[in-house]
Amino acid sequence: MSAPRRGPKVEVGRSLQVRIAEQLAKLPRGSQAARVLEVVQTNPQFASYASARDMAQRAGVNASTVTRAARQMGFGGWPDLQLEVRSQYLSALSTPELLDRHSTEMTETPARAALHQDADHLSRMAHSLDPDEIKALAAAIMAAPRTLVAASGSFAAPAIVLSYVGTGMGFDLRLETQAGTERVTQLVGLPPGGCLVIFNFWRTPRELITMAQAASRRDLTVCLVTDRRTSRLAQVADVVVAIPSESTSIFPTLTPAVAVSQAVLAELAAGRPEQAARATSDIEALWGDMDLMAPSTVVPDPGQ
């Protein structure tokens, strides 16, 4: 499989507010699409949580106009545009502000609210996430002689899932969660045709931007799993998978990102079934040779 071409479907790299202002300048003042975008521009907090019907009522248009306005911006529809609006709105809040917002919205126990939020994210992703983006990310890994998977802090969780299981299926994936010189060493070690996969949500460390830019200059394939299509990381990425990350607490949820890792692994297994079966079989044989795993059932003691 060849690596994907550069250039996601939606224009990336500039703030959404700038792009909305440019789009408004092209539209007749007072037009229905302009009224929708003006609501997004002037009240991002409302737009972050409003349904297409709520947006239509606020703008004085019908729901289909909300969908068309989102598509004119390069998004698949209102849910995709809303994801971008919400991600930018939340990233602009300080931690105390974010905690205060969630606490005032809480209508059930924290645990149940968190589970409901994640279930809603997964349900929406199952219907709205473009499967071609997942396939493109998997194709980039399959085409690369080696892939570096980078993340920071708690965002390392989905990166660990992808790199660990992918390596177990016979792909050369290297996990990089350290900062500074270690990342430089690992990036420079990628051979021609290599791939860099970055998991990043909420706020973006400068180091990851520099890393992605350096990988792009070296003609490596850059893949990004993120909650913002208009980030500086997305500007240099060949593949962008945008997913929700909002949680009911002060930290982003990683459930959608882990689900993306699982989906990519499913594509890898389907793309190279013989390789995956052979690699996993070899691993299980070595587990047995090294007696690493405890029995799954209790073995009765003959003396009892």
C-alpha atoms as a PDB file:
ATOM      1  CA  MET A   1       0.000   0.000   0.000  1.00  0.00           C
ATOM      2  CA  SER A   2       1.255   3.461  -0.817  1.00  0.00           C
ATOM      3  CA  ALA A   3       1.232   6.298   1.667  1.00  0.00           C
ATOM      4  CA  PRO A   4      -1.635   8.797   1.374  1.00  0.00           C
ATOM      5  CA  ARG A   5      -1.267  12.012  -0.537  1.00  0.00           C
ATOM      6  CA  ARG A   6      -0.770  15.232   1.351  1.00  0.00           C
ATOM      7  CA  GLY A   7      -3.746  17.401   2.003  1.00  0.00           C
ATOM      8  CA  PRO A   8      -6.836  16.626   4.088  1.00  0.00           C
ATOM      9  CA  LYS A   9     -10.315  17.460   2.843  1.00  0.00           C
ATOM     10  CA  VAL A  10     -10.747  20.488   5.057  1.00  0.00           C
ATOM     11  CA  GLU A  11      -8.348  23.414   4.933  1.00  0.00           C
ATOM     12  CA  VAL A  12      -6.162  23.377   8.022  1.00  0.00           C
ATOM     13  CA  GLY A  13      -3.547  25.376   9.823  1.00  0.00           C
ATOM     14  CA  ARG A  14      -5.372  28.649  10.461  1.00  0.00           C
ATOM     15  CA  SER A  15      -7.749  29.460  13.276  1.00  0.00           C
ATOM     16  CA  LEU A  16     -11.392  28.767  12.669  1.00  0.00           C
ATOM     17  CA  GLN A  17     -12.290  32.360  13.491  1.00  0.00           C
ATOM     18  CA  VAL A  18     -10.012  33.608  10.693  1.00  0.00           C
ATOM     19  CA  ARG A  19     -11.537  31.203   8.206  1.00  0.00           C
ATOM     20  CA  ILE A  20     -15.062  32.168   9.248  1.00  0.00           C
ATOM     21  CA  ALA A  21     -14.220  35.848   8.779  1.00  0.00           C
ATOM     22  CA  GLU A  22     -12.866  35.115   5.293  1.00  0.00           C
ATOM     23  CA  GLN A  23     -15.959  33.110   4.392  1.00  0.00           C
ATOM     24  CA  LEU A  24     -18.248  35.869   5.662  1.00  0.00           C
ATOM     25  CA  ALA A  25     -16.412  38.352   3.446  1.00  0.00           C
ATOM     26  CA  LYS A  26     -17.359  36.236   0.419  1.00  0.00           C
ATOM     27  CA  LEU A  27     -21.039  35.885   1.320  1.00  0.00           C
ATOM     28  CA  PRO A  28     -23.744  38.513   0.769  1.00  0.00           C
ATOM     29  CA  ARG A  29     -24.440  40.327   4.040  1.00  0.00           C
ATOM     30  CA  GLY A  30     -27.554  38.982   5.677  1.00  0.00           C
ATOM     31  CA  SER A  31     -27.652  35.790   3.614  1.00  0.00           C
ATOM     32  CA  GLN A  32     -28.815  32.654   5.404  1.00  0.00           C
ATOM     33  CA  ALA A  33     -25.361  31.010   5.425  1.00  0.00           C
ATOM     34  CA  ALA A  34     -23.827  34.251   6.693  1.00  0.00           C
ATOM     35  CA  ARG A  35     -26.295  34.380   9.568  1.00  0.00           C
ATOM     36  CA  VAL A  36     -25.276  30.871  10.656  1.00  0.00           C
ATOM     37  CA  LEU A  37     -21.574  31.707  10.573  1.00  0.00           C
ATOM     38  CA  GLU A  38     -22.184  34.962  12.445  1.00  0.00           C
ATOM     39  CA  VAL A  39     -23.711  32.965  15.306  1.00  0.00           C
ATOM     40  CA  VAL A  40     -20.630  30.752  15.413  1.00  0.00           C
ATOM     41  CA  GLN A  41     -18.352  33.783  15.293  1.00  0.00           C
ATOM     42  CA  THR A  42     -20.093  35.840  17.959  1.00  0.00           C
ATOM     43  CA  ASN A  43     -21.220  33.089  20.322  1.00  0.00           C
ATOM     44  CA  PRO A  44     -18.805  30.137  20.188  1.00  0.00           C
ATOM     45  CA  GLN A  45     -19.972  28.939  23.623  1.00  0.00           C
ATOM     46  CA  PHE A  46     -23.532  28.507  22.361  1.00  0.00           C
ATOM     47  CA  ALA A  47     -22.369  26.972  19.064  1.00  0.00           C
ATOM     48  CA  SER A  48     -20.191  24.501  20.922  1.00  0.00           C
ATOM     49  CA  TYR A  49     -23.218  22.720  22.362  1.00  0.00           C
ATOM     50  CA  ALA A  50     -26.133  23.666  20.136  1.00  0.00           C
ATOM     51  CA  SER A  51     -27.854  21.160  17.870  1.00  0.00           C
ATOM     52  CA  ALA A  52     -28.364  21.993  14.197  1.00  0.00           C
ATOM     53  CA  ARG A  53     -31.990  22.827  15.074  1.00  0.00           C
ATOM     54  CA  ASP A  54     -30.895  25.160  17.889  1.00  0.00           C
ATOM     55  CA  MET A  55     -28.426  26.867  15.552  1.00  0.00           C
ATOM     56  CA  ALA A  56     -31.132  27.251  12.934  1.00  0.00           C
ATOM     57  CA  GLN A  57     -33.507  28.874  15.430  1.00  0.00           C
ATOM     58  CA  ARG A  58     -30.830  31.269  16.686  1.00  0.00           C
ATOM     59  CA  ALA A  59     -29.845  32.272  13.123  1.00  0.00           C
ATOM     60  CA  GLY A  60     -33.430  32.403  11.828  1.00  0.00           C
ATOM     61  CA  VAL A  61     -32.878  29.755   9.156  1.00  0.00           C
ATOM     62  CA  ASN A  62     -33.754  26.090   8.670  1.00  0.00           C
ATOM     63  CA  ALA A  63     -31.584  23.144   9.759  1.00  0.00           C
ATOM     64  CA  SER A  64     -30.514  22.300   6.196  1.00  0.00           C
ATOM     65  CA  THR A  65     -28.978  25.778   5.902  1.00  0.00           C
ATOM     66  CA  VAL A  66     -26.827  25.047   8.963  1.00  0.00           C
ATOM     67  CA  THR A  67     -25.560  21.904   7.235  1.00  0.00           C
ATOM     68  CA  ARG A  68     -24.849  23.793   3.994  1.00  0.00           C
ATOM     69  CA  ALA A  69     -22.973  26.528   5.846  1.00  0.00           C
ATOM     70  CA  ALA A  70     -20.758  23.922   7.503  1.00  0.00           C
ATOM     71  CA  ARG A  71     -20.058  22.262   4.163  1.00  0.00           C
ATOM     72  CA  GLN A  72     -19.155  25.597   2.610  1.00  0.00           C
ATOM     73  CA  MET A  73     -16.452  25.793   5.286  1.00  0.00           C
ATOM     74  CA  GLY A  74     -15.084  22.422   4.146  1.00  0.00           C
ATOM     75  CA  PHE A  75     -16.646  20.256   6.858  1.00  0.00           C
ATOM     76  CA  GLY A  76     -18.861  17.240   6.362  1.00  0.00           C
ATOM     77  CA  GLY A  77     -21.745  18.845   8.208  1.00  0.00           C
ATOM     78  CA  TRP A  78     -22.701  20.620  11.397  1.00  0.00           C
ATOM     79  CA  PRO A  79     -21.355  17.912  13.793  1.00  0.00           C
ATOM     80  CA  ASP A  80     -17.879  18.213  12.234  1.00  0.00           C
ATOM     81  CA  LEU A  81     -17.868  22.005  12.376  1.00  0.00           C
ATOM     82  CA  GLN A  82     -19.245  21.945  15.913  1.00  0.00           C
ATOM     83  CA  LEU A  83     -16.442  19.611  17.013  1.00  0.00           C
ATOM     84  CA  GLU A  84     -13.921  22.185  15.816  1.00  0.00           C
ATOM     85  CA  VAL A  85     -15.778  25.074  17.475  1.00  0.00           C
ATOM     86  CA  ARG A  86     -16.052  23.212  20.766  1.00  0.00           C
ATOM     87  CA  SER A  87     -12.399  22.127  20.782  1.00  0.00           C
ATOM     88  CA  GLN A  88     -11.192  25.677  20.209  1.00  0.00           C
ATOM     89  CA  TYR A  89     -13.597  27.072  22.801  1.00  0.00           C
ATOM     90  CA  LEU A  90     -12.518  24.588  25.478  1.00  0.00           C
ATOM     91  CA  SER A  91      -8.810  24.976  24.726  1.00  0.00           C
ATOM     92  CA  ALA A  92      -9.158  28.710  25.372  1.00  0.00           C
ATOM     93  CA  LEU A  93     -10.447  28.117  28.912  1.00  0.00           C
ATOM     94  CA  SER A  94      -8.127  27.964  31.893  1.00  0.00           C
ATOM     95  CA  THR A  95      -8.249  24.843  34.077  1.00  0.00           C
ATOM     96  CA  PRO A  96     -10.334  26.575  36.811  1.00  0.00           C
ATOM     97  CA  GLU A  97     -12.735  27.926  34.176  1.00  0.00           C
ATOM     98  CA  LEU A  98     -13.089  24.478  32.647  1.00  0.00           C
ATOM     99  CA  LEU A  99     -13.738  22.875  36.022  1.00  0.00           C
ATOM    100  CA  ASP A 100     -16.303  25.541  36.890  1.00  0.00           C
ATOM    101  CA  ARG A 101     -18.129  25.037  33.586  1.00  0.00           C
ATOM    102  CA  HIS A 102     -18.367  21.282  34.023  1.00  0.00           C
ATOM    103  CA  SER A 103     -19.439  21.530  37.667  1.00  0.00           C
ATOM    104  CA  THR A 104     -22.319  23.875  36.825  1.00  0.00           C
ATOM    105  CA  GLU A 105     -23.494  21.524  34.041  1.00  0.00           C
ATOM    106  CA  MET A 106     -23.363  18.349  36.143  1.00  0.00           C
ATOM    107  CA  THR A 107     -26.816  16.789  36.585  1.00  0.00           C
ATOM    108  CA  GLU A 108     -25.768  13.287  37.727  1.00  0.00           C
ATOM    109  CA  THR A 109     -22.934  11.609  39.604  1.00  0.00           C
ATOM    110  CA  PRO A 110     -19.459  12.317  38.175  1.00  0.00           C
ATOM    111  CA  ALA A 111     -18.849   8.655  37.302  1.00  0.00           C
ATOM    112  CA  ARG A 112     -22.151   8.225  35.502  1.00  0.00           C
ATOM    113  CA  ALA A 113     -21.747  11.544  33.686  1.00  0.00           C
ATOM    114  CA  ALA A 114     -18.287  10.512  32.473  1.00  0.00           C
ATOM    115  CA  LEU A 115     -19.573   7.163  31.194  1.00  0.00           C
ATOM    116  CA  HIS A 116     -22.522   8.800  29.437  1.00  0.00           C
ATOM    117  CA  GLN A 117     -20.235  11.374  27.839  1.00  0.00           C
ATOM    118  CA  ASP A 118     -17.864   8.736  26.484  1.00  0.00           C
ATOM    119  CA  ALA A 119     -20.750   6.572  25.248  1.00  0.00           C
ATOM    120  CA  ASP A 120     -22.136   9.595  23.391  1.00  0.00           C
ATOM    121  CA  HIS A 121     -18.746  10.335  21.838  1.00  0.00           C
ATOM    122  CA  LEU A 122     -18.365   6.750  20.595  1.00  0.00           C
ATOM    123  CA  SER A 123     -21.896   6.693  19.217  1.00  0.00           C
ATOM    124  CA  ARG A 124     -21.326   9.903  17.287  1.00  0.00           C
ATOM    125  CA  MET A 125     -17.957   8.691  15.995  1.00  0.00           C
ATOM    126  CA  ALA A 126     -19.459   5.433  14.749  1.00  0.00           C
ATOM    127  CA  HIS A 127     -21.797   7.398  12.488  1.00  0.00           C
ATOM    128  CA  SER A 128     -19.772  10.480  11.549  1.00  0.00           C
ATOM    129  CA  LEU A 129     -16.082   9.531  11.492  1.00  0.00           C
ATOM    130  CA  ASP A 130     -14.805   9.099   7.931  1.00  0.00           C
ATOM    131  CA  PRO A 131     -13.524   5.486   7.615  1.00  0.00           C
ATOM    132  CA  ASP A 132     -11.212   6.588   4.818  1.00  0.00           C
ATOM    133  CA  GLU A 133      -9.218   8.621   7.358  1.00  0.00           C
ATOM    134  CA  ILE A 134      -8.658   5.512   9.481  1.00  0.00           C
ATOM    135  CA  LYS A 135      -7.705   3.533   6.382  1.00  0.00           C
ATOM    136  CA  ALA A 136      -5.288   6.274   5.330  1.00  0.00           C
ATOM    137  CA  LEU A 137      -3.551   6.210   8.717  1.00  0.00           C
ATOM    138  CA  ALA A 138      -3.251   2.420   8.571  1.00  0.00           C
ATOM    139  CA  ALA A 139      -1.995   2.618   4.977  1.00  0.00           C
ATOM    140  CA  ALA A 140       0.730   5.058   6.029  1.00  0.00           C
ATOM    141  CA  ILE A 141       1.940   2.615   8.691  1.00  0.00           C
ATOM    142  CA  MET A 142       1.853  -0.326   6.281  1.00  0.00           C
ATOM    143  CA  ALA A 143       3.797   1.636   3.667  1.00  0.00           C
ATOM    144  CA  ALA A 144       6.484   2.771   6.131  1.00  0.00           C
ATOM    145  CA  PRO A 145       9.586   0.728   6.964  1.00  0.00           C
ATOM    146  CA  ARG A 146       9.298   2.168  10.497  1.00  0.00           C
ATOM    147  CA  THR A 147       6.749   4.297  12.346  1.00  0.00           C
ATOM    148  CA  LEU A 148       7.347   6.565  15.324  1.00  0.00           C
ATOM    149  CA  VAL A 149       4.305   7.089  17.561  1.00  0.00           C
ATOM    150  CA  ALA A 150       4.613  10.250  19.662  1.00  0.00           C
ATOM    151  CA  ALA A 151       2.493  11.665  22.476  1.00  0.00           C
ATOM    152  CA  SER A 152       2.876  13.526  25.754  1.00  0.00           C
ATOM    153  CA  GLY A 153       1.483  12.998  29.241  1.00  0.00           C
ATOM    154  CA  SER A 154      -1.774  11.096  29.516  1.00  0.00           C
ATOM    155  CA  PHE A 155      -2.166  11.227  25.739  1.00  0.00           C
ATOM    156  CA  ALA A 156       0.426   8.447  25.643  1.00  0.00           C
ATOM    157  CA  ALA A 157      -2.364   5.969  26.467  1.00  0.00           C
ATOM    158  CA  PRO A 158      -3.729   5.570  22.903  1.00  0.00           C
ATOM    159  CA  ALA A 159      -0.175   5.775  21.552  1.00  0.00           C
ATOM    160  CA  ILE A 160       0.831   2.825  23.751  1.00  0.00           C
ATOM    161  CA  VAL A 161      -2.122   0.785  22.504  1.00  0.00           C
ATOM    162  CA  LEU A 162      -1.263   1.443  18.859  1.00  0.00           C
ATOM    163  CA  SER A 163       2.492   0.884  19.147  1.00  0.00           C
ATOM    164  CA  TYR A 164       2.385  -2.149  21.455  1.00  0.00           C
ATOM    165  CA  VAL A 165      -0.299  -4.129  19.635  1.00  0.00           C
ATOM    166  CA  GLY A 166       0.937  -3.025  16.198  1.00  0.00           C
ATOM    167  CA  THR A 167       4.433  -4.229  17.029  1.00  0.00           C
ATOM    168  CA  GLY A 168       2.913  -7.521  18.137  1.00  0.00           C
ATOM    169  CA  MET A 169       1.411  -7.841  14.636  1.00  0.00           C
ATOM    170  CA  GLY A 170       4.808  -7.514  12.991  1.00  0.00           C
ATOM    171  CA  PHE A 171       4.937  -3.793  12.219  1.00  0.00           C
ATOM    172  CA  ASP A 172       7.952  -1.712  13.201  1.00  0.00           C
ATOM    173  CA  LEU A 173       6.370   0.842  15.519  1.00  0.00           C
ATOM    174  CA  ARG A 174       8.448   2.772  18.059  1.00  0.00           C
ATOM    175  CA  LEU A 175       6.785   4.572  20.955  1.00  0.00           C
ATOM    176  CA  GLU A 176       8.161   7.983  21.937  1.00  0.00           C
ATOM    177  CA  THR A 177       6.745   9.698  25.013  1.00  0.00           C
ATOM    178  CA  GLN A 178       9.930  11.380  26.238  1.00  0.00           C
ATOM    179  CA  ALA A 179      10.833  14.996  25.585  1.00  0.00           C
ATOM    180  CA  GLY A 180      13.815  16.841  24.172  1.00  0.00           C
ATOM    181  CA  THR A 181      16.856  14.982  22.901  1.00  0.00           C
ATOM    182  CA  GLU A 182      15.220  11.545  22.969  1.00  0.00           C
ATOM    183  CA  ARG A 183      12.559  12.663  20.508  1.00  0.00           C
ATOM    184  CA  VAL A 184      15.190  14.146  18.227  1.00  0.00           C
ATOM    185  CA  THR A 185      17.149  10.899  18.256  1.00  0.00           C
ATOM    186  CA  GLN A 186      14.102   8.795  17.451  1.00  0.00           C
ATOM    187  CA  LEU A 187      12.940  11.142  14.684  1.00  0.00           C
ATOM    188  CA  VAL A 188      16.360  11.289  13.025  1.00  0.00           C
ATOM    189  CA  GLY A 189      16.453   7.494  13.187  1.00  0.00           C
ATOM    190  CA  LEU A 190      13.405   7.130  10.962  1.00  0.00           C
ATOM    191  CA  PRO A 191      14.488   5.798   7.536  1.00  0.00           C
ATOM    192  CA  PRO A 192      13.307   7.312   4.222  1.00  0.00           C
ATOM    193  CA  GLY A 193       9.632   6.609   3.747  1.00  0.00           C
ATOM    194  CA  GLY A 194       9.089   6.450   7.501  1.00  0.00           C
ATOM    195  CA  CYS A 195       5.951   7.580   9.285  1.00  0.00           C
ATOM    196  CA  LEU A 196       5.307   9.799  12.307  1.00  0.00           C
ATOM    197  CA  VAL A 197       2.002   9.386  14.169  1.00  0.00           C
ATOM    198  CA  ILE A 198       1.151  12.047  16.769  1.00  0.00           C
ATOM    199  CA  PHE A 199      -1.643  11.971  19.339  1.00  0.00           C
ATOM    200  CA  ASN A 200      -2.455  15.466  20.595  1.00  0.00           C
ATOM    201  CA  PHE A 201      -5.517  17.027  22.236  1.00  0.00           C
ATOM    202  CA  TRP A 202      -6.597  20.145  24.095  1.00  0.00           C
ATOM    203  CA  ARG A 203      -3.348  22.174  24.006  1.00  0.00           C
ATOM    204  CA  THR A 204      -0.300  21.627  21.815  1.00  0.00           C
ATOM    205  CA  PRO A 205       3.305  21.541  23.100  1.00  0.00           C
ATOM    206  CA  ARG A 206       5.638  23.554  20.869  1.00  0.00           C
ATOM    207  CA  GLU A 207       7.935  20.556  20.738  1.00  0.00           C
ATOM    208  CA  LEU A 208       5.363  18.462  18.864  1.00  0.00           C
ATOM    209  CA  ILE A 209       4.889  21.223  16.281  1.00  0.00           C
ATOM    210  CA  THR A 210       8.632  21.406  15.679  1.00  0.00           C
ATOM    211  CA  MET A 211       8.801  17.624  15.480  1.00  0.00           C
ATOM    212  CA  ALA A 212       6.016  17.444  12.875  1.00  0.00           C
ATOM    213  CA  GLN A 213       7.569  20.240  10.811  1.00  0.00           C
ATOM    214  CA  ALA A 214      10.942  18.488  10.855  1.00  0.00           C
ATOM    215  CA  ALA A 215       9.339  15.206   9.782  1.00  0.00           C
ATOM    216  CA  SER A 216       7.554  16.940   6.915  1.00  0.00           C
ATOM    217  CA  ARG A 217      10.813  18.518   5.704  1.00  0.00           C
ATOM    218  CA  ARG A 218      12.381  15.043   5.692  1.00  0.00           C
ATOM    219  CA  ASP A 219       9.515  13.790   3.471  1.00  0.00           C
ATOM    220  CA  LEU A 220       8.216  11.489   6.170  1.00  0.00           C
ATOM    221  CA  THR A 221       4.494  10.791   6.309  1.00  0.00           C
ATOM    222  CA  VAL A 222       2.915  12.689   9.199  1.00  0.00           C
ATOM    223  CA  CYS A 223      -0.351  11.421  10.705  1.00  0.00           C
ATOM    224  CA  LEU A 224      -2.264  13.228  13.424  1.00  0.00           C
ATOM    225  CA  VAL A 225      -5.041  12.123  15.766  1.00  0.00           C
ATOM    226  CA  THR A 226      -6.443  15.286  17.312  1.00  0.00           C
ATOM    227  CA  ASP A 227      -9.537  17.218  18.334  1.00  0.00           C
ATOM    228  CA  ARG A 228      -8.743  20.207  16.091  1.00  0.00           C
ATOM    229  CA  ARG A 229      -8.394  20.246  12.314  1.00  0.00           C
ATOM    230  CA  THR A 230      -7.173  23.853  12.285  1.00  0.00           C
ATOM    231  CA  SER A 231      -4.195  23.427  14.617  1.00  0.00           C
ATOM    232  CA  ARG A 232      -0.614  24.107  13.550  1.00  0.00           C
ATOM    233  CA  LEU A 233       0.032  20.385  13.786  1.00  0.00           C
ATOM    234  CA  ALA A 234      -2.754  19.705  11.303  1.00  0.00           C
ATOM    235  CA  GLN A 235      -1.156  22.171   8.889  1.00  0.00           C
ATOM    236  CA  VAL A 236       1.775  19.833   8.227  1.00  0.00           C
ATOM    237  CA  ALA A 237      -0.019  16.496   8.572  1.00  0.00           C
ATOM    238  CA  ASP A 238      -0.726  14.215   5.615  1.00  0.00           C
ATOM    239  CA  VAL A 239      -3.531  12.447   7.481  1.00  0.00           C
ATOM    240  CA  VAL A 240      -5.745  14.101  10.102  1.00  0.00           C
ATOM    241  CA  VAL A 241      -8.235  12.113  12.178  1.00  0.00           C
ATOM    242  CA  ALA A 242     -10.346  14.569  14.187  1.00  0.00           C
ATOM    243  CA  ILE A 243     -12.274  13.197  17.165  1.00  0.00           C
ATOM    244  CA  PRO A 244     -13.941  14.603  20.293  1.00  0.00           C
ATOM    245  CA  SER A 245     -11.956  14.877  23.525  1.00  0.00           C
ATOM    246  CA  GLU A 246     -14.288  16.776  25.838  1.00  0.00           C
ATOM    247  CA  SER A 247     -14.844  15.120  29.193  1.00  0.00           C
ATOM    248  CA  THR A 248     -16.938  15.976  32.236  1.00  0.00           C
ATOM    249  CA  SER A 249     -13.863  16.946  34.239  1.00  0.00           C
ATOM    250  CA  ILE A 250     -10.743  19.088  33.817  1.00  0.00           C
ATOM    251  CA  PHE A 251      -8.847  16.578  31.683  1.00  0.00           C
ATOM    252  CA  PRO A 252      -9.668  15.437  28.122  1.00  0.00           C
ATOM    253  CA  THR A 253     -11.183  12.004  27.701  1.00  0.00           C
ATOM    254  CA  LEU A 254      -8.981   9.446  25.954  1.00  0.00           C
ATOM    255  CA  THR A 255     -11.748   6.958  25.174  1.00  0.00           C
ATOM    256  CA  PRO A 256     -12.307   8.163  21.568  1.00  0.00           C
ATOM    257  CA  ALA A 257      -8.538   8.188  20.935  1.00  0.00           C
ATOM    258  CA  VAL A 258      -8.152   4.615  22.200  1.00  0.00           C
ATOM    259  CA  ALA A 259     -11.077   3.637  19.972  1.00  0.00           C
ATOM    260  CA  VAL A 260      -9.249   5.165  16.989  1.00  0.00           C
ATOM    261  CA  SER A 261      -6.140   3.142  17.869  1.00  0.00           C
ATOM    262  CA  GLN A 262      -8.278   0.000  17.979  1.00  0.00           C
ATOM    263  CA  ALA A 263      -9.818   0.862  14.597  1.00  0.00           C
ATOM    264  CA  VAL A 264      -6.394   1.423  13.022  1.00  0.00           C
ATOM    265  CA  LEU A 265      -5.181  -1.900  14.442  1.00  0.00           C
ATOM    266  CA  ALA A 266      -8.212  -3.616  12.900  1.00  0.00           C
ATOM    267  CA  GLU A 267      -7.265  -2.149   9.514  1.00  0.00           C
ATOM    268  CA  LEU A 268      -3.658  -3.294   9.962  1.00  0.00           C
ATOM    269  CA  ALA A 269      -4.764  -6.837  10.785  1.00  0.00           C
ATOM    270  CA  ALA A 270      -7.085  -6.887   7.772  1.00  0.00           C
ATOM    271  CA  GLY A 271      -4.409  -5.423   5.504  1.00  0.00           C
ATOM    272  CA  ARG A 272      -1.694  -7.898   6.483  1.00  0.00           C
ATOM    273  CA  PRO A 273      -3.569 -10.925   7.885  1.00  0.00           C
ATOM    274  CA  GLU A 274      -0.811 -13.491   7.304  1.00  0.00           C
ATOM    275  CA  GLN A 275       1.858 -11.264   8.846  1.00  0.00           C
ATOM    276  CA  ALA A 276      -0.320 -10.493  11.867  1.00  0.00           C
ATOM    277  CA  ALA A 277      -1.194 -14.158  12.412  1.00  0.00           C
ATOM    278  CA  ARG A 278       2.431 -15.252  12.115  1.00  0.00           C
ATOM    279  CA  ALA A 279       3.731 -12.553  14.455  1.00  0.00           C
ATOM    280  CA  THR A 280       1.123 -13.129  17.146  1.00  0.00           C
ATOM    281  CA  SER A 281       1.640 -16.889  16.921  1.00  0.00           C
ATOM    282  CA  ASP A 282       5.394 -16.452  17.424  1.00  0.00           C
ATOM    283  CA  ILE A 283       4.780 -14.212  20.436  1.00  0.00           C
ATOM    284  CA  GLU A 284       2.417 -16.688  22.067  1.00  0.00           C
ATOM    285  CA  ALA A 285       4.920 -19.498  21.496  1.00  0.00           C
ATOM    286  CA  LEU A 286       7.620 -17.463  23.253  1.00  0.00           C
ATOM    287  CA  TRP A 287       5.234 -16.716  26.114  1.00  0.00           C
ATOM    288  CA  GLY A 288       4.921 -20.448  26.574  1.00  0.00           C
ATOM    289  CA  ASP A 289       8.658 -21.068  26.322  1.00  0.00           C
ATOM    290  CA  MET A 290       9.310 -18.429  28.971  1.00  0.00           C
ATOM    291  CA  ASP A 291       6.356 -19.498  31.144  1.00  0.00           C
ATOM    292  CA  LEU A 292       5.180 -15.874  31.360  1.00  0.00           C
ATOM    293  CA  MET A 293       1.455 -16.396  31.765  1.00  0.00           C
ATOM    294  CA  ALA A 294      -0.335 -17.855  34.767  1.00  0.00           C
ATOM    295  CA  PRO A 295      -2.957 -20.559  34.127  1.00  0.00           C
ATOM    296  CA  SER A 296      -6.398 -19.162  33.345  1.00  0.00           C
ATOM    297  CA  THR A 297      -8.028 -21.666  35.691  1.00  0.00           C
ATOM    298  CA  VAL A 298      -7.129 -22.954  39.159  1.00  0.00           C
ATOM    299  CA  VAL A 299      -5.304 -26.290  38.982  1.00  0.00           C
ATOM    300  CA  PRO A 300      -6.384 -28.612  41.831  1.00  0.00           C
ATOM    301  CA  ASP A 301      -3.636 -29.638  44.254  1.00  0.00           C
ATOM    302  CA  PRO A 302      -3.225 -33.445  43.974  1.00  0.00           C
ATOM    303  CA  GLY A 303      -2.336 -33.584  47.708  1.00  0.00           C
ATOM    304  CA  GLN A 304      -5.715 -32.187  48.769  1.00  0.00           C
END
